Amino acid sequence: MSSSRFTRYAWFVLGYLALVILWGAWVRISGSGAGCGAHWPTCNGVVVPLNPTLETLIEYTHRLTSGLSLPFVFVLVAWAFKRFPAGVGVRGATLGTLFFLLTEAALGAGLVKFELVAGDTSVARAVTASFHLVNTFALSAFSALAAWWSMPRHSGKAFAPRFNNAGSAWLLPALVGLILTSMSGAITALGDTLFPTSIFTEQGLMAHVAEQVSATTHFLVQLRIVHPIVAVLTSVYLLFALPQIQGFERHGRWTTMLVVSQVAFGFLNIVLAAPAWLQLLHLLMALGVWLSVFVLWVRTQSETPSPTEPAAP
C-alpha cells in the first residue's frame, strides 16, 4: 500500500511539473517574462505585487507554481529514501529530479536577472532558451523514472545501463535526435513569438521561404527552417528504429503513435502560424514523445523482454 501511494504521488508530481512547464511556455507566448521586472525572487521588488498588470499576474503565478514544486519534490525524495532500500533506482531518480529542478530555477532566475525575456532578441536568450528546454526534459525524465520504477512490477530494481545491447544501439541516437529537436524547437518557438509570420503570402511559399533565410532577416527567423528538418529526420529514424526493439512491441507502438501525432501537430503549427493553444499542445506532445522514448530506453537496459516475444540479439 505504501508503494502504491508513493507511485500515485510520484505520477502527481510529474503531472504537476508538466503543468508548470506549460505555464512557463505561456509566459513566453504572452510576452509576460518581464512582468516582475528584473527582480528575483521578489516581483518588482516586493513579495506580493499589489495592483498587478496582466503580465505581472502571469509571471507571478508561474513563480508561485514553480516554487511550490520544490516542497513537492522534497517530499518525493524523503519518501523514496524512507520507502525504498539503498541501491534501488527510485532513490537516484528522485535525487535527479531535485537536482534538475534546482538548475531549472537557476536558469529561470538567470533569464530574469539578465533581462533575457519579453522582447529581447539576443543570441544569449536563444542559447539560454534552448538549454532551458533541455534541462526541462531532463527534469521530466527523472521525475517519470521515479514514478515508473516505484511501480510494483519494477520496484526494487537497480539501474545498470548496458550500452552495447540492441536497445541502446537503436534508441541512443533517437534520444540525441530528440534533444537536438528540442533545442531547435525552443529557438523556433522564440522566433514565432517575437517575429510572428504566416506561410500564406501574396508572393507564394517559395518566396516566403527565401525571405526567411535571407541574410537580411533576423537570425531567429533564419533558424526557423532548422527545426522542421531536424524534427522530420528524427521522426523518420524513430519510425524505423522502434519496430526493431524486440520484446517491447506494445510500448513501441504507443510511442510510434505519439511520434506520428507530433509530426502532424508540428505541420499544423506551421500552417496556422503557431497559435498559442497549438504551441502549448505541441510542447506537451514533445514532452510525451521524449518521456516515452526515454522510458523505453531505460526498460531495454533494466528489464527482460517479454517471454512471448523473441529476445533482442
Protein backbone atom coordinates (compact mmCIF):
# COMPACT_ATOMS: atom_id res chain seq x y z
CA MET A 1 0.00 0.00 0.00
CA SER A 2 2.84 2.38 0.86
CA SER A 3 4.44 1.68 -2.51
CA SER A 4 1.13 2.29 -4.30
CA ARG A 5 0.66 5.62 -2.53
CA PHE A 6 4.20 6.64 -3.40
CA THR A 7 3.61 5.73 -7.05
CA ARG A 8 0.43 7.82 -7.21
CA TYR A 9 2.21 10.72 -5.59
CA ALA A 10 5.17 10.41 -8.00
CA TRP A 11 2.84 10.50 -11.02
CA PHE A 12 1.11 13.52 -9.47
CA VAL A 13 4.48 15.30 -9.18
CA LEU A 14 5.22 14.56 -12.84
CA GLY A 15 1.81 15.86 -13.89
CA TYR A 16 2.26 18.98 -11.78
CA LEU A 17 5.69 19.64 -13.29
CA ALA A 18 4.18 19.28 -16.77
CA LEU A 19 1.60 21.96 -15.93
CA VAL A 20 4.35 24.25 -14.62
CA ILE A 21 6.30 23.69 -17.85
CA LEU A 22 3.27 24.58 -19.96
CA TRP A 23 2.60 27.70 -17.88
CA GLY A 24 6.23 28.70 -18.36
CA ALA A 25 5.68 28.45 -22.12
CA TRP A 26 2.59 30.63 -21.73
CA VAL A 27 4.75 33.26 -20.00
CA ARG A 28 6.87 33.42 -23.18
CA ILE A 29 3.95 33.28 -25.59
CA SER A 30 2.08 36.06 -23.79
CA GLY A 31 5.20 38.25 -23.55
CA SER A 32 4.96 38.28 -19.76
CA GLY A 33 8.55 37.37 -18.92
CA ALA A 34 9.26 40.91 -17.70
CA GLY A 35 6.08 41.04 -15.66
CA CYS A 36 8.09 41.16 -12.42
CA GLY A 37 10.85 43.31 -13.85
CA ALA A 38 14.47 42.24 -13.34
CA HIS A 39 13.74 41.21 -9.75
CA TRP A 40 14.11 37.65 -8.48
CA PRO A 41 12.90 36.02 -6.29
CA THR A 42 10.79 39.09 -5.46
CA CYS A 43 8.39 40.54 -8.01
CA ASN A 44 9.05 44.19 -8.84
CA GLY A 45 10.88 44.43 -5.53
CA VAL A 46 8.04 43.11 -3.36
CA VAL A 47 6.97 39.69 -2.17
CA VAL A 48 3.33 40.13 -3.23
CA PRO A 49 2.67 42.65 -6.03
CA LEU A 50 -0.25 45.00 -5.44
CA ASN A 51 -2.47 46.06 -8.35
CA PRO A 52 -0.53 43.84 -10.79
CA THR A 53 -0.83 44.12 -14.55
CA LEU A 54 -1.89 41.05 -16.52
CA GLU A 55 1.76 40.37 -17.45
CA THR A 56 2.78 40.61 -13.79
CA LEU A 57 -0.02 38.27 -12.77
CA ILE A 58 1.01 35.68 -15.37
CA GLU A 59 4.70 35.82 -14.42
CA TYR A 60 3.96 35.86 -10.68
CA THR A 61 1.67 32.85 -11.00
CA HIS A 62 4.43 30.97 -12.78
CA ARG A 63 6.86 31.79 -9.98
CA LEU A 64 4.39 30.65 -7.32
CA THR A 65 3.62 27.35 -9.06
CA SER A 66 7.32 26.77 -9.77
CA GLY A 67 8.19 27.46 -6.15
CA LEU A 68 5.52 25.07 -4.94
CA SER A 69 7.14 22.26 -6.93
CA LEU A 70 10.19 22.40 -4.64
CA PRO A 71 8.43 21.13 -1.46
CA PHE A 72 6.60 18.56 -3.59
CA VAL A 73 9.94 17.20 -4.79
CA PHE A 74 11.49 17.36 -1.31
CA VAL A 75 8.64 15.15 -0.08
CA LEU A 76 9.23 12.82 -3.04
CA VAL A 77 12.93 12.44 -2.15
CA ALA A 78 12.33 11.95 1.58
CA TRP A 79 9.58 9.42 0.95
CA ALA A 80 11.74 7.47 -1.54
CA PHE A 81 14.62 7.21 0.93
CA LYS A 82 12.24 6.04 3.63
CA ARG A 83 10.31 3.58 1.47
CA PHE A 84 13.00 2.04 -0.79
CA PRO A 85 16.35 0.47 0.14
CA ALA A 86 19.76 1.71 -0.95
CA GLY A 87 20.79 0.77 -4.47
CA VAL A 88 17.27 0.96 -5.87
CA GLY A 89 16.73 3.19 -8.90
CA VAL A 90 13.86 5.15 -7.34
CA ARG A 91 16.20 6.90 -4.91
CA GLY A 92 18.54 8.07 -7.64
CA ALA A 93 15.62 9.17 -9.83
CA THR A 94 14.22 11.40 -7.09
CA LEU A 95 17.65 12.94 -6.46
CA GLY A 96 17.96 13.60 -10.19
CA THR A 97 14.54 15.25 -10.13
CA LEU A 98 15.63 17.53 -7.30
CA PHE A 99 18.93 18.43 -8.99
CA PHE A 100 17.35 19.39 -12.30
CA LEU A 101 14.58 21.27 -10.52
CA LEU A 102 17.23 23.44 -8.85
CA THR A 103 19.06 24.01 -12.13
CA GLU A 104 15.71 24.83 -13.73
CA ALA A 105 15.14 27.51 -11.12
CA ALA A 106 18.67 28.85 -11.65
CA LEU A 107 18.15 29.11 -15.41
CA GLY A 108 14.81 30.86 -14.89
CA ALA A 109 16.39 33.29 -12.45
CA GLY A 110 19.19 33.98 -14.91
CA LEU A 111 16.72 34.81 -17.67
CA VAL A 112 15.06 37.34 -15.39
CA LYS A 113 18.18 38.87 -13.82
CA PHE A 114 19.89 39.34 -17.20
CA GLU A 115 16.59 40.54 -18.74
CA LEU A 116 16.55 37.82 -21.41
CA VAL A 117 12.77 37.98 -21.51
CA ALA A 118 9.82 39.72 -23.18
CA GLY A 119 11.07 41.44 -26.35
CA ASP A 120 14.76 40.55 -26.05
CA THR A 121 16.04 39.10 -29.35
CA SER A 122 19.66 38.39 -28.41
CA VAL A 123 21.75 35.32 -29.12
CA ALA A 124 22.14 34.87 -25.37
CA ARG A 125 18.40 34.48 -24.96
CA ALA A 126 18.17 31.93 -27.77
CA VAL A 127 21.03 29.86 -26.35
CA THR A 128 19.64 30.02 -22.82
CA ALA A 129 16.15 29.11 -24.00
CA SER A 130 17.43 26.01 -25.80
CA PHE A 131 19.40 24.77 -22.78
CA HIS A 132 16.45 25.65 -20.55
CA LEU A 133 14.26 23.25 -22.50
CA VAL A 134 16.93 20.51 -22.41
CA ASN A 135 17.05 20.91 -18.63
CA THR A 136 13.25 20.73 -18.58
CA PHE A 137 13.38 17.44 -20.48
CA ALA A 138 15.95 16.06 -18.03
CA LEU A 139 13.79 17.13 -15.08
CA SER A 140 10.71 15.42 -16.50
CA ALA A 141 12.71 12.29 -17.38
CA PHE A 142 13.95 11.74 -13.83
CA SER A 143 10.51 12.50 -12.43
CA ALA A 144 8.98 9.92 -14.77
CA LEU A 145 11.61 7.36 -13.76
CA ALA A 146 10.81 7.89 -10.08
CA ALA A 147 7.17 7.05 -10.79
CA TRP A 148 7.93 4.21 -13.21
CA TRP A 149 10.46 2.43 -11.01
CA SER A 150 8.23 2.68 -7.95
CA MET A 151 5.50 0.61 -9.61
CA PRO A 152 5.20 -2.90 -8.09
CA ARG A 153 6.47 -4.75 -11.17
CA HIS A 154 9.55 -2.51 -11.37
CA SER A 155 10.11 -1.75 -7.67
CA GLY A 156 13.40 -2.89 -6.18
CA LYS A 157 15.36 -2.85 -9.45
CA ALA A 158 18.71 -1.19 -9.75
CA PHE A 159 19.69 0.53 -12.99
CA ALA A 160 22.81 -0.76 -14.72
CA PRO A 161 22.94 0.59 -18.28
CA ARG A 162 24.25 -1.75 -20.96
CA PHE A 163 25.26 0.45 -23.83
CA ASN A 164 26.24 -2.45 -26.09
CA ASN A 165 22.79 -4.02 -26.35
CA ALA A 166 20.23 -3.67 -29.13
CA GLY A 167 18.10 -1.18 -27.19
CA SER A 168 20.96 1.27 -26.81
CA ALA A 169 22.10 0.80 -30.38
CA TRP A 170 18.71 1.86 -31.70
CA LEU A 171 17.49 4.30 -29.07
CA LEU A 172 20.55 6.35 -28.03
CA PRO A 173 20.73 8.06 -31.47
CA ALA A 174 17.00 8.73 -31.16
CA LEU A 175 17.47 10.36 -27.74
CA VAL A 176 20.24 12.57 -29.14
CA GLY A 177 17.99 13.48 -32.06
CA LEU A 178 15.15 14.38 -29.69
CA ILE A 179 17.46 16.62 -27.65
CA LEU A 180 18.61 18.42 -30.81
CA THR A 181 14.97 18.70 -31.89
CA SER A 182 14.02 20.24 -28.55
CA MET A 183 16.89 22.76 -28.73
CA SER A 184 15.98 23.86 -32.24
CA GLY A 185 12.30 23.85 -31.26
CA ALA A 186 12.93 26.22 -28.36
CA ILE A 187 14.67 28.66 -30.71
CA THR A 188 11.89 28.34 -33.29
CA ALA A 189 9.20 28.91 -30.65
CA LEU A 190 11.05 32.03 -29.53
CA GLY A 191 11.18 33.26 -33.11
CA ASP A 192 7.47 32.54 -33.58
CA THR A 193 6.73 34.68 -30.53
CA LEU A 194 9.00 37.60 -31.41
CA PHE A 195 8.60 37.51 -35.21
CA PRO A 196 5.16 36.04 -35.99
CA THR A 197 4.61 35.15 -39.62
CA SER A 198 2.48 33.07 -41.95
CA ILE A 199 3.39 30.84 -44.90
CA PHE A 200 0.41 32.20 -46.81
CA THR A 201 1.71 35.33 -48.52
CA GLU A 202 0.97 37.01 -51.83
CA GLN A 203 4.48 36.16 -53.08
CA GLY A 204 3.94 32.43 -52.60
CA LEU A 205 5.52 29.76 -50.43
CA MET A 206 8.96 29.61 -52.06
CA ALA A 207 9.33 33.39 -51.96
CA HIS A 208 8.36 33.29 -48.30
CA VAL A 209 10.99 30.63 -47.55
CA ALA A 210 13.64 32.61 -49.46
CA GLU A 211 12.79 35.69 -47.43
CA GLN A 212 13.02 33.73 -44.18
CA VAL A 213 16.55 32.51 -44.88
CA SER A 214 17.77 35.78 -46.36
CA ALA A 215 20.91 37.26 -44.82
CA THR A 216 18.97 40.46 -44.09
CA THR A 217 16.49 38.80 -41.75
CA HIS A 218 17.00 38.29 -38.03
CA PHE A 219 18.81 35.07 -37.04
CA LEU A 220 15.74 33.83 -35.14
CA VAL A 221 13.81 33.99 -38.40
CA GLN A 222 16.61 32.36 -40.38
CA LEU A 223 16.79 29.44 -37.96
CA ARG A 224 13.10 28.61 -38.33
CA ILE A 225 13.94 26.23 -41.18
CA VAL A 226 16.26 24.16 -38.95
CA HIS A 227 13.67 22.78 -36.55
CA PRO A 228 11.33 21.15 -39.11
CA ILE A 229 14.30 19.48 -40.80
CA VAL A 230 15.75 18.11 -37.56
CA ALA A 231 12.30 17.07 -36.33
CA VAL A 232 11.42 15.20 -39.54
CA LEU A 233 14.78 13.41 -39.68
CA THR A 234 14.47 12.35 -36.03
CA SER A 235 10.88 11.22 -36.54
CA VAL A 236 11.75 9.15 -39.62
CA TYR A 237 14.58 7.49 -37.70
CA LEU A 238 12.26 6.74 -34.77
CA LEU A 239 9.60 5.24 -37.03
CA PHE A 240 12.26 2.92 -38.44
CA ALA A 241 14.00 2.17 -35.12
CA LEU A 242 11.04 1.47 -32.85
CA PRO A 243 9.93 -1.76 -34.62
CA GLN A 244 13.47 -3.07 -34.16
CA ILE A 245 13.19 -3.05 -30.35
CA GLN A 246 12.08 -6.63 -29.83
CA GLY A 247 10.34 -7.64 -26.64
CA PHE A 248 8.78 -4.18 -26.06
CA GLU A 249 6.50 -4.01 -29.09
CA ARG A 250 3.48 -2.62 -27.25
CA HIS A 251 5.49 0.28 -25.83
CA GLY A 252 6.97 0.84 -29.28
CA ARG A 253 3.53 1.03 -30.90
CA TRP A 254 2.34 3.64 -28.39
CA THR A 255 5.50 5.66 -28.99
CA THR A 256 5.03 5.40 -32.76
CA MET A 257 1.52 6.85 -32.45
CA LEU A 258 2.90 9.72 -30.36
CA VAL A 259 5.60 10.44 -32.96
CA VAL A 260 3.12 10.46 -35.85
CA SER A 261 0.75 12.72 -33.90
CA GLN A 262 3.57 15.10 -33.02
CA VAL A 263 4.63 15.41 -36.67
CA ALA A 264 1.03 16.20 -37.57
CA PHE A 265 0.81 18.86 -34.85
CA GLY A 266 4.12 20.33 -35.99
CA PHE A 267 2.89 20.62 -39.57
CA LEU A 268 -0.35 22.19 -38.36
CA ASN A 269 1.65 24.59 -36.22
CA ILE A 270 3.44 25.87 -39.35
CA VAL A 271 0.28 26.12 -41.43
CA LEU A 272 -1.66 28.01 -38.75
CA ALA A 273 1.29 30.32 -37.93
CA ALA A 274 1.84 28.91 -34.42
CA PRO A 275 -1.27 29.96 -32.45
CA ALA A 276 -0.79 29.93 -28.67
CA TRP A 277 -3.01 26.92 -27.96
CA LEU A 278 -1.25 24.84 -30.61
CA GLN A 279 2.20 25.81 -29.33
CA LEU A 280 1.22 24.52 -25.90
CA LEU A 281 -0.20 21.30 -27.34
CA HIS A 282 2.92 20.84 -29.49
CA LEU A 283 5.12 21.25 -26.42
CA LEU A 284 3.02 18.77 -24.44
CA MET A 285 3.27 16.22 -27.24
CA ALA A 286 7.03 16.78 -27.47
CA LEU A 287 7.28 16.05 -23.77
CA GLY A 288 5.22 12.90 -24.26
CA VAL A 289 7.41 11.63 -27.10
CA TRP A 290 10.59 12.34 -25.14
CA LEU A 291 9.37 10.57 -21.99
CA SER A 292 8.07 7.58 -23.92
CA VAL A 293 11.36 7.06 -25.79
CA PHE A 294 13.45 7.68 -22.66
CA VAL A 295 11.47 5.22 -20.54
CA LEU A 296 11.63 2.67 -23.37
CA TRP A 297 15.42 3.03 -23.43
CA VAL A 298 15.55 2.51 -19.66
CA ARG A 299 13.33 -0.55 -20.00
CA THR A 300 15.65 -2.12 -22.57
CA GLN A 301 18.51 -1.64 -20.10
CA SER A 302 16.88 -2.96 -16.95
CA GLU A 303 14.06 -5.32 -17.92
CA THR A 304 13.89 -8.74 -19.50
CA PRO A 305 11.99 -8.65 -22.81
CA SER A 306 8.53 -10.18 -22.82
CA PRO A 307 8.76 -14.01 -23.00
CA THR A 308 6.06 -14.01 -25.67
CA GLU A 309 8.34 -12.05 -27.99
CA PRO A 310 11.74 -13.03 -29.38
CA ALA A 311 14.59 -11.58 -27.35
CA ALA A 312 16.80 -8.92 -28.88
CA PRO A 313 20.17 -10.26 -30.09
